[in-house]
C-alpha atoms as a PDB file:
ATOM      1  CA  MET A   1       0.001   0.002   0.008  1.00  0.00           C
ATOM      2  CA  GLN A   2       1.305   3.460  -0.917  1.00  0.00           C
ATOM      3  CA  THR A   3       0.660   6.772   0.787  1.00  0.00           C
ATOM      4  CA  ILE A   4       0.124   9.929  -1.332  1.00  0.00           C
ATOM      5  CA  LYS A   5      -0.122  13.410   0.179  1.00  0.00           C
ATOM      6  CA  PHE A   6      -2.926  15.665  -0.908  1.00  0.00           C
ATOM      7  CA  VAL A   7      -4.192  19.162  -0.152  1.00  0.00           C
ATOM      8  CA  TYR A   8      -7.942  19.764   0.506  1.00  0.00           C
ATOM      9  CA  TRP A   9     -10.488  22.288   1.771  1.00  0.00           C
ATOM     10  CA  GLU A  10     -14.217  22.749   2.012  1.00  0.00           C
ATOM     11  CA  GLU A  11     -15.789  25.488  -0.071  1.00  0.00           C
ATOM     12  CA  ASP A  12     -19.478  26.226  -0.461  1.00  0.00           C
ATOM     13  CA  GLY A  13     -20.436  22.729   0.700  1.00  0.00           C
ATOM     14  CA  ALA A  14     -18.064  20.889  -1.578  1.00  0.00           C
ATOM     15  CA  TRP A  15     -14.728  19.329  -0.745  1.00  0.00           C
ATOM     16  CA  ILE A  16     -11.963  20.349  -3.145  1.00  0.00           C
ATOM     17  CA  GLY A  17      -8.455  18.933  -3.368  1.00  0.00           C
ATOM     18  CA  TYR A  18      -5.414  17.960  -5.424  1.00  0.00           C
ATOM     19  CA  LEU A  19      -2.523  15.583  -5.159  1.00  0.00           C
ATOM     20  CA  GLN A  20       0.606  17.351  -3.757  1.00  0.00           C
ATOM     21  CA  ASP A  21       2.746  16.033  -6.590  1.00  0.00           C
ATOM     22  CA  TYR A  22       0.225  17.191  -9.275  1.00  0.00           C
ATOM     23  CA  PRO A  23      -1.088  20.638  -8.073  1.00  0.00           C
ATOM     24  CA  ASP A  24      -2.418  21.591 -11.429  1.00  0.00           C
ATOM     25  CA  TYR A  25      -5.085  18.877 -11.407  1.00  0.00           C
ATOM     26  CA  TRP A  26      -7.930  19.503  -8.961  1.00  0.00           C
ATOM     27  CA  THR A  27     -10.972  17.417  -8.218  1.00  0.00           C
ATOM     28  CA  GLN A  28     -13.906  17.621  -5.844  1.00  0.00           C
ATOM     29  CA  GLY A  29     -16.382  15.517  -3.860  1.00  0.00           C
ATOM     30  CA  GLU A  30     -19.609  15.828  -1.896  1.00  0.00           C
ATOM     31  CA  THR A  31     -17.822  14.504   1.215  1.00  0.00           C
ATOM     32  CA  LEU A  32     -14.242  14.129   2.252  1.00  0.00           C
ATOM     33  CA  ASP A  33     -14.479  10.367   1.616  1.00  0.00           C
ATOM     34  CA  ASP A  34     -15.874  11.069  -1.844  1.00  0.00           C
ATOM     35  CA  LEU A  35     -13.054  13.430  -2.488  1.00  0.00           C
ATOM     36  CA  LYS A  36     -10.539  10.824  -1.496  1.00  0.00           C
ATOM     37  CA  ASP A  37     -12.125   8.383  -3.912  1.00  0.00           C
ATOM     38  CA  HIS A  38     -11.778  10.953  -6.727  1.00  0.00           C
ATOM     39  CA  LEU A  39      -8.153  11.668  -5.733  1.00  0.00           C
ATOM     40  CA  ARG A  40      -7.398   7.867  -5.937  1.00  0.00           C
ATOM     41  CA  ASP A  41      -8.880   7.825  -9.432  1.00  0.00           C
ATOM     42  CA  LEU A  42      -6.889  10.972 -10.306  1.00  0.00           C
ATOM     43  CA  TYR A  43      -3.728   9.349  -9.089  1.00  0.00           C
ATOM     44  CA  ARG A  44      -4.278   6.218 -11.214  1.00  0.00           C
ATOM     45  CA  ASP A  45      -4.916   8.466 -14.233  1.00  0.00           C
ATOM     46  CA  MET A  46      -1.792  10.562 -13.612  1.00  0.00           C
ATOM     47  CA  THR A  47       0.497   7.555 -13.144  1.00  0.00           C
ATOM     48  CA  SER A  48      -0.883   5.278 -15.867  1.00  0.00           C
ATOM     49  CA  GLY A  49       1.251   6.725 -18.655  1.00  0.00           C
ATOM     50  CA  ASP A  50      -1.805   6.981 -20.840  1.00  0.00           C
ATOM     51  CA  LEU A  51      -2.123  10.792 -20.568  1.00  0.00           C
ATOM     52  CA  PRO A  52       0.448  12.969 -22.342  1.00  0.00           C
ATOM     53  CA  GLY A  53       1.905  16.154 -20.952  1.00  0.00           C
ATOM     54  CA  ILE A  54       1.253  15.629 -17.256  1.00  0.00           C
ATOM     55  CA  ARG A  55       2.967  18.290 -15.159  1.00  0.00           C
ATOM     56  CA  LYS A  56       4.447  17.168 -11.823  1.00  0.00           C
ATOM     57  CA  VAL A  57       6.225  18.754  -8.902  1.00  0.00           C
ATOM     58  CA  ASP A  58       9.616  17.460  -7.693  1.00  0.00           C
ATOM     59  CA  GLU A  59      12.496  18.608  -5.560  1.00  0.00           C
ATOM     60  CA  LEU A  60      15.922  19.724  -6.685  1.00  0.00           C
ATOM     61  CA  VAL A  61      18.969  19.671  -4.409  1.00  0.00           C
ATOM     62  CA  VAL A  62      21.313  22.576  -5.130  1.00  0.00           C
ATOM     63  CA  PRO A  63      24.778  22.407  -3.571  1.00  0.00           C
END
């Protein structure tokens, strides 16, 4: 089992969030659990290799 960090908030009765590694791709749900289900689906889409041009965040070590 893998753990993925995500950012979320409630706005106007909806739960909105995105995967920390893919901040350009937001999704939403009616509940927090619903949002988490959508985020799992989004993660599978982002990592499948089927979608071209996916932007991702990474870290760079500078000496």
